[in-house]
């Protein structure tokens, strides 16, 4: 019976691996310090959470206009890619 479904494992792995490559994790202390410094220089404040998803940081903060936002920041350049209201 088990041998009958052996073909499913490669299919499951094929679809699972790409999603695992972009799994979310907390930023390290060093990464967080870099992001906080960069965003503070741009006027963001109240930065409370920095996560890593793929090649981006996802940050909960207050925008320069005072709105609660989620900010996507490029991990390499630290440039703001997108800002969305929380």
C-alpha atoms as a PDB file:
ATOM      1  CA  UNK A   1       0.000   0.000   0.000  1.00  0.00           C
ATOM      2  CA  UNK A   2       2.780   2.468   0.904  1.00  0.00           C
ATOM      3  CA  UNK A   3       4.679   1.817  -2.339  1.00  0.00           C
ATOM      4  CA  UNK A   4       1.550   2.840  -4.189  1.00  0.00           C
ATOM      5  CA  UNK A   5       1.977   6.469  -2.983  1.00  0.00           C
ATOM      6  CA  UNK A   6       5.779   6.835  -3.191  1.00  0.00           C
ATOM      7  CA  UNK A   7       5.431   9.165  -6.173  1.00  0.00           C
ATOM      8  CA  UNK A   8       3.760  11.777  -3.942  1.00  0.00           C
ATOM      9  CA  UNK A   9       6.851  12.597  -1.856  1.00  0.00           C
ATOM     10  CA  UNK A  10       8.788  14.287  -4.690  1.00  0.00           C
ATOM     11  CA  UNK A  11       5.685  16.312  -5.578  1.00  0.00           C
ATOM     12  CA  UNK A  12       5.185  17.443  -1.997  1.00  0.00           C
ATOM     13  CA  UNK A  13       8.846  18.477  -1.736  1.00  0.00           C
ATOM     14  CA  UNK A  14       8.655  20.306  -5.061  1.00  0.00           C
ATOM     15  CA  UNK A  15       5.899  22.552  -3.742  1.00  0.00           C
ATOM     16  CA  UNK A  16       7.153  22.811  -0.142  1.00  0.00           C
ATOM     17  CA  UNK A  17      10.739  23.905  -0.819  1.00  0.00           C
ATOM     18  CA  UNK A  18      10.004  27.285  -2.455  1.00  0.00           C
ATOM     19  CA  UNK A  19       7.781  28.305   0.456  1.00  0.00           C
ATOM     20  CA  UNK A  20      10.425  27.210   2.956  1.00  0.00           C
ATOM     21  CA  UNK A  21      13.014  29.390   1.202  1.00  0.00           C
ATOM     22  CA  UNK A  22      11.019  32.487   2.154  1.00  0.00           C
ATOM     23  CA  UNK A  23      10.112  31.470   5.676  1.00  0.00           C
ATOM     24  CA  UNK A  24       9.775  34.331   8.122  1.00  0.00           C
ATOM     25  CA  UNK A  25      12.214  34.713  10.997  1.00  0.00           C
ATOM     26  CA  UNK A  26      13.093  37.367  13.547  1.00  0.00           C
ATOM     27  CA  UNK A  27      15.950  39.652  12.570  1.00  0.00           C
ATOM     28  CA  UNK A  28      19.180  39.291  14.508  1.00  0.00           C
ATOM     29  CA  UNK A  29      20.294  42.076  16.852  1.00  0.00           C
ATOM     30  CA  UNK A  30      22.807  43.275  14.252  1.00  0.00           C
ATOM     31  CA  UNK A  31      20.210  43.286  11.459  1.00  0.00           C
ATOM     32  CA  UNK A  32      17.709  45.081  13.679  1.00  0.00           C
ATOM     33  CA  UNK A  33      20.254  47.780  14.556  1.00  0.00           C
ATOM     34  CA  UNK A  34      21.019  48.380  10.856  1.00  0.00           C
ATOM     35  CA  UNK A  35      17.331  48.644   9.952  1.00  0.00           C
ATOM     36  CA  UNK A  36      16.463  50.900  12.896  1.00  0.00           C
ATOM     37  CA  UNK A  37      19.353  53.241  12.025  1.00  0.00           C
ATOM     38  CA  UNK A  38      18.327  53.427   8.360  1.00  0.00           C
ATOM     39  CA  UNK A  39      14.615  53.966   9.032  1.00  0.00           C
ATOM     40  CA  UNK A  40      15.198  56.477  11.826  1.00  0.00           C
ATOM     41  CA  UNK A  41      17.297  58.535   9.395  1.00  0.00           C
ATOM     42  CA  UNK A  42      14.269  58.577   7.076  1.00  0.00           C
ATOM     43  CA  UNK A  43      11.934  59.802   9.823  1.00  0.00           C
ATOM     44  CA  UNK A  44      10.349  56.515  10.921  1.00  0.00           C
ATOM     45  CA  UNK A  45       9.888  55.976  14.644  1.00  0.00           C
ATOM     46  CA  UNK A  46       8.358  53.546  17.133  1.00  0.00           C
ATOM     47  CA  UNK A  47      10.005  50.629  15.354  1.00  0.00           C
ATOM     48  CA  UNK A  48       8.768  47.631  17.311  1.00  0.00           C
ATOM     49  CA  UNK A  49       9.298  44.513  15.172  1.00  0.00           C
ATOM     50  CA  UNK A  50      11.786  43.546  12.470  1.00  0.00           C
ATOM     51  CA  UNK A  51      11.303  40.252  10.626  1.00  0.00           C
ATOM     52  CA  UNK A  52      13.214  38.720   7.725  1.00  0.00           C
ATOM     53  CA  UNK A  53      11.299  37.269   4.784  1.00  0.00           C
ATOM     54  CA  UNK A  54      13.451  36.241   1.839  1.00  0.00           C
ATOM     55  CA  UNK A  55      15.576  39.190   0.775  1.00  0.00           C
ATOM     56  CA  UNK A  56      13.496  41.751   2.667  1.00  0.00           C
ATOM     57  CA  UNK A  57      12.946  43.039   6.154  1.00  0.00           C
ATOM     58  CA  UNK A  58       9.328  43.541   7.218  1.00  0.00           C
ATOM     59  CA  UNK A  59       9.151  46.250   9.869  1.00  0.00           C
ATOM     60  CA  UNK A  60       6.323  47.508  12.082  1.00  0.00           C
ATOM     61  CA  UNK A  61       6.824  51.226  12.626  1.00  0.00           C
ATOM     62  CA  UNK A  62       5.314  54.703  12.548  1.00  0.00           C
ATOM     63  CA  UNK A  63       5.809  56.588   9.318  1.00  0.00           C
ATOM     64  CA  UNK A  64       7.161  60.133   9.196  1.00  0.00           C
ATOM     65  CA  UNK A  65       3.480  61.180   8.911  1.00  0.00           C
ATOM     66  CA  UNK A  66       2.646  59.367  12.156  1.00  0.00           C
ATOM     67  CA  UNK A  67       0.738  56.421  10.666  1.00  0.00           C
ATOM     68  CA  UNK A  68       1.208  52.840  11.842  1.00  0.00           C
ATOM     69  CA  UNK A  69       2.744  51.055   8.864  1.00  0.00           C
ATOM     70  CA  UNK A  70       4.430  47.869   7.708  1.00  0.00           C
ATOM     71  CA  UNK A  71       7.603  48.786   5.857  1.00  0.00           C
ATOM     72  CA  UNK A  72       9.371  46.443   3.430  1.00  0.00           C
ATOM     73  CA  UNK A  73      13.098  47.132   3.328  1.00  0.00           C
ATOM     74  CA  UNK A  74      15.658  45.576   0.973  1.00  0.00           C
ATOM     75  CA  UNK A  75      18.104  43.513   3.069  1.00  0.00           C
ATOM     76  CA  UNK A  76      21.147  44.445   1.002  1.00  0.00           C
ATOM     77  CA  UNK A  77      20.621  48.138   0.293  1.00  0.00           C
ATOM     78  CA  UNK A  78      18.324  49.022   3.232  1.00  0.00           C
ATOM     79  CA  UNK A  79      16.125  50.987   0.819  1.00  0.00           C
ATOM     80  CA  UNK A  80      12.390  51.157   1.473  1.00  0.00           C
ATOM     81  CA  UNK A  81      10.613  49.019  -1.107  1.00  0.00           C
ATOM     82  CA  UNK A  82       7.034  49.479   0.059  1.00  0.00           C
ATOM     83  CA  UNK A  83       5.043  50.980   2.895  1.00  0.00           C
ATOM     84  CA  UNK A  84       1.559  49.761   3.808  1.00  0.00           C
ATOM     85  CA  UNK A  85      -0.801  50.824   6.556  1.00  0.00           C
ATOM     86  CA  UNK A  86      -0.978  48.264   9.355  1.00  0.00           C
END
